[in-house]
């Protein structure tokens, strides 16, 4: 599993690009629920904070295609 870690404000801002207008509270609540469910699951964490879509995409490609080597 790959977990994309980002701040609530960044998640809200990125959602508006897809015409999804969630409040800071709604996103914070969703993040808390995700952490409850997946908190103890073994996963790779990719930080998205302050990174562009291209930077995150490159990091994901590295994880998917190179981490198993």
C-alpha atoms as a PDB file:
ATOM      1  CA  UNK A   1       0.000   0.000   0.000  1.00  0.00           C
ATOM      2  CA  UNK A   2       1.186   3.516  -0.770  1.00  0.00           C
ATOM      3  CA  UNK A   3      -0.043   6.265   1.548  1.00  0.00           C
ATOM      4  CA  UNK A   4       0.091   9.824   0.207  1.00  0.00           C
ATOM      5  CA  UNK A   5       0.683  12.088   3.192  1.00  0.00           C
ATOM      6  CA  UNK A   6      -0.359  15.711   2.794  1.00  0.00           C
ATOM      7  CA  UNK A   7      -1.586  18.578   4.893  1.00  0.00           C
ATOM      8  CA  UNK A   8      -5.307  19.240   5.182  1.00  0.00           C
ATOM      9  CA  UNK A   9      -4.908  22.614   3.461  1.00  0.00           C
ATOM     10  CA  UNK A  10      -3.068  21.098   0.503  1.00  0.00           C
ATOM     11  CA  UNK A  11      -5.628  18.319   0.157  1.00  0.00           C
ATOM     12  CA  UNK A  12      -8.439  20.897   0.190  1.00  0.00           C
ATOM     13  CA  UNK A  13      -6.659  23.055  -2.391  1.00  0.00           C
ATOM     14  CA  UNK A  14      -5.953  20.108  -4.706  1.00  0.00           C
ATOM     15  CA  UNK A  15      -9.557  18.979  -4.414  1.00  0.00           C
ATOM     16  CA  UNK A  16     -10.801  22.308  -5.738  1.00  0.00           C
ATOM     17  CA  UNK A  17      -8.964  21.621  -9.011  1.00  0.00           C
ATOM     18  CA  UNK A  18     -11.335  18.670  -9.416  1.00  0.00           C
ATOM     19  CA  UNK A  19     -14.367  20.762  -8.408  1.00  0.00           C
ATOM     20  CA  UNK A  20     -14.588  19.025  -5.030  1.00  0.00           C
ATOM     21  CA  UNK A  21     -15.173  21.677  -2.411  1.00  0.00           C
ATOM     22  CA  UNK A  22     -14.791  20.071   1.008  1.00  0.00           C
ATOM     23  CA  UNK A  23     -14.352  22.048   4.179  1.00  0.00           C
ATOM     24  CA  UNK A  24     -11.180  21.879   6.228  1.00  0.00           C
ATOM     25  CA  UNK A  25     -13.183  20.062   8.907  1.00  0.00           C
ATOM     26  CA  UNK A  26     -14.444  17.411   6.457  1.00  0.00           C
ATOM     27  CA  UNK A  27     -10.962  16.721   5.146  1.00  0.00           C
ATOM     28  CA  UNK A  28      -9.469  16.625   8.638  1.00  0.00           C
ATOM     29  CA  UNK A  29     -12.145  14.146   9.677  1.00  0.00           C
ATOM     30  CA  UNK A  30     -11.480  12.000   6.608  1.00  0.00           C
ATOM     31  CA  UNK A  31      -7.721  11.993   7.276  1.00  0.00           C
ATOM     32  CA  UNK A  32      -8.322  10.921  10.879  1.00  0.00           C
ATOM     33  CA  UNK A  33     -10.569   8.061   9.752  1.00  0.00           C
ATOM     34  CA  UNK A  34      -8.034   6.919   7.150  1.00  0.00           C
ATOM     35  CA  UNK A  35      -5.304   6.929   9.799  1.00  0.00           C
ATOM     36  CA  UNK A  36      -7.537   4.889  12.136  1.00  0.00           C
ATOM     37  CA  UNK A  37      -8.158   2.252   9.477  1.00  0.00           C
ATOM     38  CA  UNK A  38      -4.696   2.092   7.917  1.00  0.00           C
ATOM     39  CA  UNK A  39      -2.511   3.271  10.792  1.00  0.00           C
ATOM     40  CA  UNK A  40      -1.009  -0.129  11.615  1.00  0.00           C
ATOM     41  CA  UNK A  41      -0.976  -1.493   8.073  1.00  0.00           C
ATOM     42  CA  UNK A  42       2.472  -1.941   6.545  1.00  0.00           C
ATOM     43  CA  UNK A  43       2.814   0.749   3.890  1.00  0.00           C
ATOM     44  CA  UNK A  44       5.114   3.051   1.993  1.00  0.00           C
ATOM     45  CA  UNK A  45       4.521   6.701   2.833  1.00  0.00           C
ATOM     46  CA  UNK A  46       5.063   9.346   0.161  1.00  0.00           C
ATOM     47  CA  UNK A  47       5.010  12.900   1.442  1.00  0.00           C
ATOM     48  CA  UNK A  48       3.155  15.295  -0.858  1.00  0.00           C
ATOM     49  CA  UNK A  49       3.607  18.386   1.301  1.00  0.00           C
ATOM     50  CA  UNK A  50       4.853  21.322  -0.741  1.00  0.00           C
ATOM     51  CA  UNK A  51       5.472  19.135  -3.794  1.00  0.00           C
ATOM     52  CA  UNK A  52       4.096  19.478  -7.295  1.00  0.00           C
ATOM     53  CA  UNK A  53       2.047  16.799  -9.011  1.00  0.00           C
ATOM     54  CA  UNK A  54       5.074  15.988 -11.182  1.00  0.00           C
ATOM     55  CA  UNK A  55       7.348  15.570  -8.145  1.00  0.00           C
ATOM     56  CA  UNK A  56       4.863  13.265  -6.440  1.00  0.00           C
ATOM     57  CA  UNK A  57       4.352  11.287  -9.665  1.00  0.00           C
ATOM     58  CA  UNK A  58       8.101  10.723 -10.019  1.00  0.00           C
ATOM     59  CA  UNK A  59       8.352   9.573  -6.403  1.00  0.00           C
ATOM     60  CA  UNK A  60       5.443   7.165  -6.905  1.00  0.00           C
ATOM     61  CA  UNK A  61       7.077   5.746 -10.036  1.00  0.00           C
ATOM     62  CA  UNK A  62      10.271   5.123  -8.047  1.00  0.00           C
ATOM     63  CA  UNK A  63       8.330   3.344  -5.316  1.00  0.00           C
ATOM     64  CA  UNK A  64       6.351   1.217  -7.766  1.00  0.00           C
ATOM     65  CA  UNK A  65       9.111   0.313 -10.187  1.00  0.00           C
ATOM     66  CA  UNK A  66      12.357   0.467  -8.210  1.00  0.00           C
ATOM     67  CA  UNK A  67      11.740  -0.233  -4.504  1.00  0.00           C
ATOM     68  CA  UNK A  68      11.434  -3.970  -5.045  1.00  0.00           C
ATOM     69  CA  UNK A  69      14.941  -4.233  -6.548  1.00  0.00           C
END
